[in-house]
Amino acid sequence: SKDLKGAMEILIEQKRQKLSRVEKLDEHMDFASQLIFAQNRGDLTAENVNQCVLEMMIAAPDTLSVTLFFMLILIAEHPTVEEEMMREIEAVVGKQELQN
């Protein structure tokens, strides 16, 4: 836990340093940047920022995998929905190969 917390602190500091060097902030404004600026304004503590980033890193893959799993199960249980989805994909994509 301490190793992970330390790693998050290093990543946040790297992000903070990167933000201090960029010319156009709007090209680098993501959620982590917003958290850092909130800390700079005094709205959040360093611990708040670290905890938010840590939770994003840990929670996102788990919730995403569970959501995708249930979505795939529901599609498999409803073949007419699957067929409709395939028709829509074919209508939008056409003969092009699907990409990630």
Protein backbone atom coordinates (compact mmCIF):
# COMPACT_ATOMS: atom_id res chain seq x y z
CA SER A 1 0.00 0.00 0.00
CA LYS A 2 2.82 2.40 0.86
CA ASP A 3 4.62 1.48 -2.38
CA LEU A 4 1.50 2.19 -4.42
CA LYS A 5 0.90 5.46 -2.60
CA GLY A 6 4.51 6.46 -3.20
CA ALA A 7 4.23 5.60 -6.89
CA MET A 8 1.08 7.77 -7.16
CA GLU A 9 2.88 10.67 -5.50
CA ILE A 10 5.71 10.36 -8.05
CA LEU A 11 3.27 10.25 -10.98
CA ILE A 12 1.36 13.28 -9.69
CA GLU A 13 4.59 15.22 -9.22
CA GLN A 14 5.64 14.34 -12.77
CA LYS A 15 2.28 15.58 -14.03
CA ARG A 16 2.65 18.75 -11.95
CA GLN A 17 6.10 19.39 -13.48
CA LYS A 18 4.79 18.77 -17.00
CA LEU A 19 1.93 21.23 -16.43
CA SER A 20 4.38 23.88 -15.26
CA ARG A 21 6.31 23.61 -18.55
CA VAL A 22 3.51 23.55 -21.13
CA GLU A 23 2.65 26.62 -23.18
CA LYS A 24 -1.03 25.85 -23.84
CA LEU A 25 -2.78 24.40 -20.81
CA ASP A 26 -6.00 23.59 -22.65
CA GLU A 27 -4.22 20.80 -24.55
CA HIS A 28 -3.26 19.12 -21.25
CA MET A 29 -6.40 19.58 -19.17
CA ASP A 30 -7.55 16.20 -17.97
CA PHE A 31 -9.01 15.04 -14.67
CA ALA A 32 -5.61 14.73 -12.98
CA SER A 33 -4.73 18.27 -14.10
CA GLN A 34 -8.01 19.58 -12.67
CA LEU A 35 -7.21 17.89 -9.35
CA ILE A 36 -3.73 19.44 -9.27
CA PHE A 37 -5.14 22.91 -9.96
CA ALA A 38 -7.78 22.39 -7.27
CA GLN A 39 -4.98 21.63 -4.84
CA ASN A 40 -3.07 24.74 -5.98
CA ARG A 41 -6.20 26.83 -5.25
CA GLY A 42 -6.51 25.24 -1.81
CA ASP A 43 -9.74 23.37 -2.63
CA LEU A 44 -8.07 19.96 -2.12
CA THR A 45 -5.18 18.65 -0.07
CA ALA A 46 -2.29 16.68 -1.54
CA GLU A 47 -3.78 13.61 0.16
CA ASN A 48 -7.14 14.24 -1.57
CA VAL A 49 -5.43 14.43 -4.97
CA ASN A 50 -3.37 11.29 -4.31
CA GLN A 51 -6.46 9.37 -3.19
CA CYS A 52 -8.51 10.42 -6.22
CA VAL A 53 -5.79 9.42 -8.68
CA LEU A 54 -5.20 6.14 -6.85
CA GLU A 55 -8.91 5.29 -6.93
CA MET A 56 -9.09 6.08 -10.65
CA MET A 57 -6.14 3.78 -11.34
CA ILE A 58 -7.48 0.91 -9.22
CA ALA A 59 -11.24 1.14 -9.69
CA ALA A 60 -11.55 1.87 -13.39
CA PRO A 61 -10.26 -1.48 -14.76
CA ASP A 62 -12.40 -3.46 -12.31
CA THR A 63 -15.65 -1.61 -12.95
CA LEU A 64 -15.04 -1.60 -16.69
CA SER A 65 -14.42 -5.35 -16.82
CA VAL A 66 -17.54 -6.11 -14.76
CA THR A 67 -19.68 -3.80 -16.93
CA LEU A 68 -18.38 -5.35 -20.16
CA PHE A 69 -18.92 -8.86 -18.80
CA PHE A 70 -22.58 -8.20 -17.97
CA MET A 71 -23.13 -6.36 -21.25
CA LEU A 72 -21.81 -9.37 -23.20
CA ILE A 73 -23.97 -11.76 -21.17
CA LEU A 74 -27.08 -9.66 -21.84
CA ILE A 75 -26.30 -9.51 -25.57
CA ALA A 76 -25.78 -13.29 -25.65
CA GLU A 77 -29.12 -13.82 -23.88
CA HIS A 78 -30.97 -11.60 -26.39
CA PRO A 79 -30.07 -12.72 -29.93
CA THR A 80 -32.51 -10.30 -31.57
CA VAL A 81 -30.69 -7.39 -29.89
CA GLU A 82 -27.37 -8.82 -31.07
CA GLU A 83 -28.68 -9.05 -34.65
CA GLU A 84 -29.93 -5.46 -34.48
CA MET A 85 -26.55 -4.29 -33.17
CA MET A 86 -24.76 -6.10 -36.00
CA ARG A 87 -27.08 -4.48 -38.58
CA GLU A 88 -26.36 -1.06 -37.11
CA ILE A 89 -22.60 -1.68 -37.12
CA GLU A 90 -22.76 -2.80 -40.75
CA ALA A 91 -24.86 0.27 -41.67
CA VAL A 92 -22.39 2.65 -40.05
CA VAL A 93 -19.08 0.93 -40.85
CA GLY A 94 -20.03 -0.71 -44.13
CA LYS A 95 -17.35 -2.97 -45.60
CA GLN A 96 -14.54 -1.30 -43.65
CA GLU A 97 -12.64 -3.41 -41.15
CA LEU A 98 -13.55 -2.67 -37.53
CA GLN A 99 -10.86 -0.94 -35.48
CA ASN A 100 -10.33 -0.50 -31.74
